[in-house]
N, C-alpha and C. Protein backbone atom coordinates (compact mmCIF):
# COMPACT_ATOMS: atom_id res chain seq x y z
N MET A 1 185.68 122.22 196.16
CA MET A 1 186.26 122.13 194.82
C MET A 1 185.24 121.64 193.81
N TYR A 2 185.37 122.13 192.58
CA TYR A 2 184.34 121.83 191.54
C TYR A 2 185.02 121.32 190.28
N LEU A 3 184.35 120.43 189.58
CA LEU A 3 184.85 119.87 188.37
C LEU A 3 183.82 120.09 187.20
N LEU A 4 184.31 120.45 186.10
CA LEU A 4 183.46 120.67 184.86
C LEU A 4 183.58 119.35 184.06
N THR A 5 182.41 118.72 183.78
CA THR A 5 182.36 117.61 182.91
C THR A 5 181.63 117.93 181.59
N ILE A 6 182.29 117.64 180.49
CA ILE A 6 181.67 117.94 179.22
C ILE A 6 181.55 116.64 178.41
N ARG A 7 180.32 116.31 177.98
CA ARG A 7 180.10 115.15 177.13
C ARG A 7 179.80 115.63 175.68
N ASP A 8 180.71 115.28 174.73
CA ASP A 8 180.54 115.71 173.40
C ASP A 8 180.56 114.49 172.50
N GLY A 9 179.42 113.98 172.14
CA GLY A 9 179.38 112.72 171.44
C GLY A 9 179.82 111.55 172.29
N LEU A 10 180.77 110.81 171.85
CA LEU A 10 181.29 109.68 172.68
C LEU A 10 182.49 110.05 173.60
N GLN A 11 182.82 111.34 173.50
CA GLN A 11 183.98 111.78 174.26
C GLN A 11 183.53 112.47 175.58
N THR A 12 184.12 112.19 176.70
CA THR A 12 183.80 112.88 177.98
C THR A 12 185.11 113.51 178.41
N ARG A 13 185.07 114.80 178.78
CA ARG A 13 186.17 115.49 179.26
C ARG A 13 185.91 116.00 180.67
N HIS A 14 186.97 115.93 181.53
CA HIS A 14 186.84 116.44 182.90
C HIS A 14 187.82 117.57 183.09
N ILE A 15 187.38 118.73 183.44
CA ILE A 15 188.30 119.92 183.50
C ILE A 15 188.14 120.50 184.87
N GLY A 16 189.29 120.84 185.46
CA GLY A 16 189.30 121.40 186.78
C GLY A 16 190.42 120.82 187.59
N PRO A 17 190.46 121.04 188.83
CA PRO A 17 189.35 121.53 189.72
C PRO A 17 189.30 123.05 189.78
N TYR A 18 188.16 123.52 190.16
CA TYR A 18 188.00 124.98 190.37
C TYR A 18 187.60 125.21 191.80
N ALA A 19 187.89 126.39 192.31
CA ALA A 19 187.57 126.70 193.69
C ALA A 19 186.07 127.04 193.95
N THR A 20 185.46 127.65 192.93
CA THR A 20 183.97 127.92 193.16
C THR A 20 183.26 127.74 191.81
N PRO A 21 181.95 127.59 191.83
CA PRO A 21 181.19 127.49 190.63
C PRO A 21 181.40 128.70 189.68
N ALA A 22 181.55 129.88 190.27
CA ALA A 22 181.77 131.11 189.52
C ALA A 22 183.04 131.01 188.62
N ASP A 23 184.08 130.35 189.16
CA ASP A 23 185.34 130.13 188.38
C ASP A 23 185.06 129.21 187.17
N VAL A 24 184.20 128.25 187.37
CA VAL A 24 183.88 127.39 186.21
C VAL A 24 183.10 128.16 185.22
N ALA A 25 182.16 128.90 185.67
CA ALA A 25 181.32 129.69 184.78
C ALA A 25 182.14 130.70 183.92
N GLU A 26 183.23 131.28 184.51
CA GLU A 26 184.07 132.20 183.77
C GLU A 26 184.77 131.50 182.57
N GLN A 27 185.06 130.30 182.64
CA GLN A 27 185.79 129.62 181.55
C GLN A 27 184.82 128.71 180.63
N LEU A 28 183.55 128.65 181.06
CA LEU A 28 182.61 127.75 180.34
C LEU A 28 182.55 128.11 178.87
N ASP A 29 182.33 129.33 178.55
CA ASP A 29 182.19 129.73 177.17
C ASP A 29 183.42 129.42 176.36
N GLU A 30 184.62 129.68 176.96
CA GLU A 30 185.84 129.35 176.26
C GLU A 30 185.97 127.87 175.99
N VAL A 31 185.63 127.05 176.94
CA VAL A 31 185.72 125.62 176.79
C VAL A 31 184.68 125.07 175.77
N LEU A 32 183.48 125.62 175.79
CA LEU A 32 182.43 125.09 174.96
C LEU A 32 182.71 125.51 173.52
N ALA A 33 183.54 126.55 173.23
CA ALA A 33 183.86 126.92 171.90
C ALA A 33 184.71 125.86 171.22
N THR A 34 185.35 124.99 171.99
CA THR A 34 186.15 123.89 171.36
C THR A 34 185.26 122.61 171.22
N CYS A 35 183.99 122.63 171.54
CA CYS A 35 183.15 121.48 171.49
C CYS A 35 182.08 121.59 170.41
N GLY A 36 181.39 120.53 170.05
CA GLY A 36 180.36 120.58 169.13
C GLY A 36 179.19 121.33 169.73
N GLU A 37 178.16 121.70 168.85
CA GLU A 37 177.07 122.45 169.35
C GLU A 37 176.08 121.64 170.19
N ARG A 38 176.22 120.35 170.14
CA ARG A 38 175.35 119.52 170.99
C ARG A 38 175.98 118.96 172.28
N ALA A 39 177.04 119.56 172.63
CA ALA A 39 177.77 119.15 173.79
C ALA A 39 177.00 119.41 175.05
N HIS A 40 177.00 118.51 176.03
CA HIS A 40 176.39 118.73 177.32
C HIS A 40 177.36 118.91 178.39
N TRP A 41 177.06 119.68 179.35
CA TRP A 41 178.00 119.97 180.39
C TRP A 41 177.35 119.93 181.75
N GLN A 42 178.11 119.67 182.78
CA GLN A 42 177.71 119.71 184.19
C GLN A 42 178.83 120.15 185.11
N ILE A 43 178.43 120.79 186.21
CA ILE A 43 179.40 121.15 187.25
C ILE A 43 179.20 120.29 188.42
N HIS A 44 180.26 119.56 188.81
CA HIS A 44 180.13 118.63 189.95
C HIS A 44 180.89 119.20 191.18
N GLU A 45 180.28 119.09 192.24
CA GLU A 45 181.00 119.44 193.56
C GLU A 45 181.75 118.20 194.08
N LEU A 46 183.03 118.30 194.22
CA LEU A 46 183.92 117.24 194.72
C LEU A 46 183.72 117.12 196.22
N GLU A 47 183.70 115.89 196.66
CA GLU A 47 183.58 115.64 198.13
C GLU A 47 184.94 115.66 198.76
N ALA A 48 185.03 116.01 200.02
CA ALA A 48 186.25 116.08 200.72
C ALA A 48 186.66 114.60 201.02
N PRO A 49 187.96 114.29 200.96
CA PRO A 49 188.39 112.97 201.21
C PRO A 49 188.18 112.59 202.72
N LEU A 50 188.05 111.29 202.99
CA LEU A 50 187.89 110.79 204.27
C LEU A 50 189.17 111.03 205.11
N ALA A 51 189.00 111.30 206.43
CA ALA A 51 190.15 111.68 207.24
C ALA A 51 191.19 110.47 207.30
N GLY A 52 190.77 109.28 207.37
CA GLY A 52 191.70 108.10 207.54
C GLY A 52 191.98 107.45 206.16
N GLY A 53 191.64 108.09 205.08
CA GLY A 53 191.87 107.52 203.78
C GLY A 53 190.67 106.81 203.33
N CYS A 54 190.80 105.89 202.48
CA CYS A 54 189.68 105.20 201.80
C CYS A 54 189.58 103.78 202.41
N SER A 55 189.20 103.64 203.68
CA SER A 55 189.15 102.38 204.28
C SER A 55 187.75 101.99 204.57
N VAL A 56 187.02 101.53 203.51
CA VAL A 56 185.62 101.20 203.67
C VAL A 56 185.52 99.72 204.03
N GLU A 57 184.80 99.40 205.04
CA GLU A 57 184.64 98.03 205.46
C GLU A 57 183.60 97.42 204.58
N ARG A 58 183.99 96.25 203.98
CA ARG A 58 183.14 95.51 203.18
C ARG A 58 182.82 94.21 203.80
N PRO A 59 181.54 93.64 203.65
CA PRO A 59 181.28 92.31 204.24
C PRO A 59 182.01 91.27 203.47
N ARG A 60 182.54 90.32 204.22
CA ARG A 60 183.30 89.20 203.57
C ARG A 60 182.33 88.08 203.34
N PRO A 61 182.54 87.34 202.28
CA PRO A 61 181.65 86.16 201.97
C PRO A 61 181.85 85.13 203.10
N ALA A 62 180.81 84.33 203.28
CA ALA A 62 180.82 83.18 204.24
C ALA A 62 181.83 82.15 203.76
N PRO A 63 182.54 81.57 204.63
CA PRO A 63 183.51 80.48 204.28
C PRO A 63 182.81 79.31 203.66
N VAL A 64 183.42 78.66 202.70
CA VAL A 64 182.82 77.59 202.04
C VAL A 64 183.46 76.28 202.53
N ASP A 65 182.57 75.28 202.91
CA ASP A 65 183.09 73.99 203.38
C ASP A 65 183.29 73.03 202.20
N ARG A 66 184.52 72.86 201.80
CA ARG A 66 184.88 71.98 200.62
C ARG A 66 184.82 70.49 201.00
N SER A 67 184.59 70.10 202.32
CA SER A 67 184.63 68.73 202.64
C SER A 67 183.35 68.01 202.28
N ARG A 68 182.26 68.75 201.84
CA ARG A 68 181.04 68.15 201.54
C ARG A 68 180.92 67.83 200.04
N GLY A 69 181.94 67.92 199.30
CA GLY A 69 181.81 67.70 197.84
C GLY A 69 182.06 68.96 197.16
N SER A 70 181.62 69.00 195.87
CA SER A 70 181.87 70.15 194.93
C SER A 70 180.69 71.14 194.94
N ARG A 71 179.75 71.00 195.81
CA ARG A 71 178.59 71.94 195.76
C ARG A 71 178.95 73.30 196.39
N GLY A 72 179.88 73.29 197.31
CA GLY A 72 180.29 74.61 197.92
C GLY A 72 179.26 75.09 198.87
N VAL A 73 178.64 74.24 199.74
CA VAL A 73 177.67 74.67 200.66
C VAL A 73 178.37 75.32 201.90
N ALA A 74 177.84 76.46 202.26
CA ALA A 74 178.48 77.21 203.36
C ALA A 74 178.39 76.44 204.69
N ALA A 75 179.45 76.52 205.54
CA ALA A 75 179.48 75.85 206.78
C ALA A 75 178.53 76.58 207.76
N ALA A 76 177.85 75.76 208.57
CA ALA A 76 176.94 76.26 209.56
C ALA A 76 177.56 76.58 210.88
């Protein structure tokens, strides 16, 4: 799947999804006709979603030992 991103001044528009880059190219002239002449565009390939969802393991911060005062020194 592909997504067309158009940056026109401070505005960013995301259009799609499209099945192929050729599908995006077919509509590019039509979409750019609604933009200013200095608009920039890009075609992005979308990644397939992960099989199990979005379960990314992130490292957890070390526990803080509050018994040593307010300095927050990590327990050894």
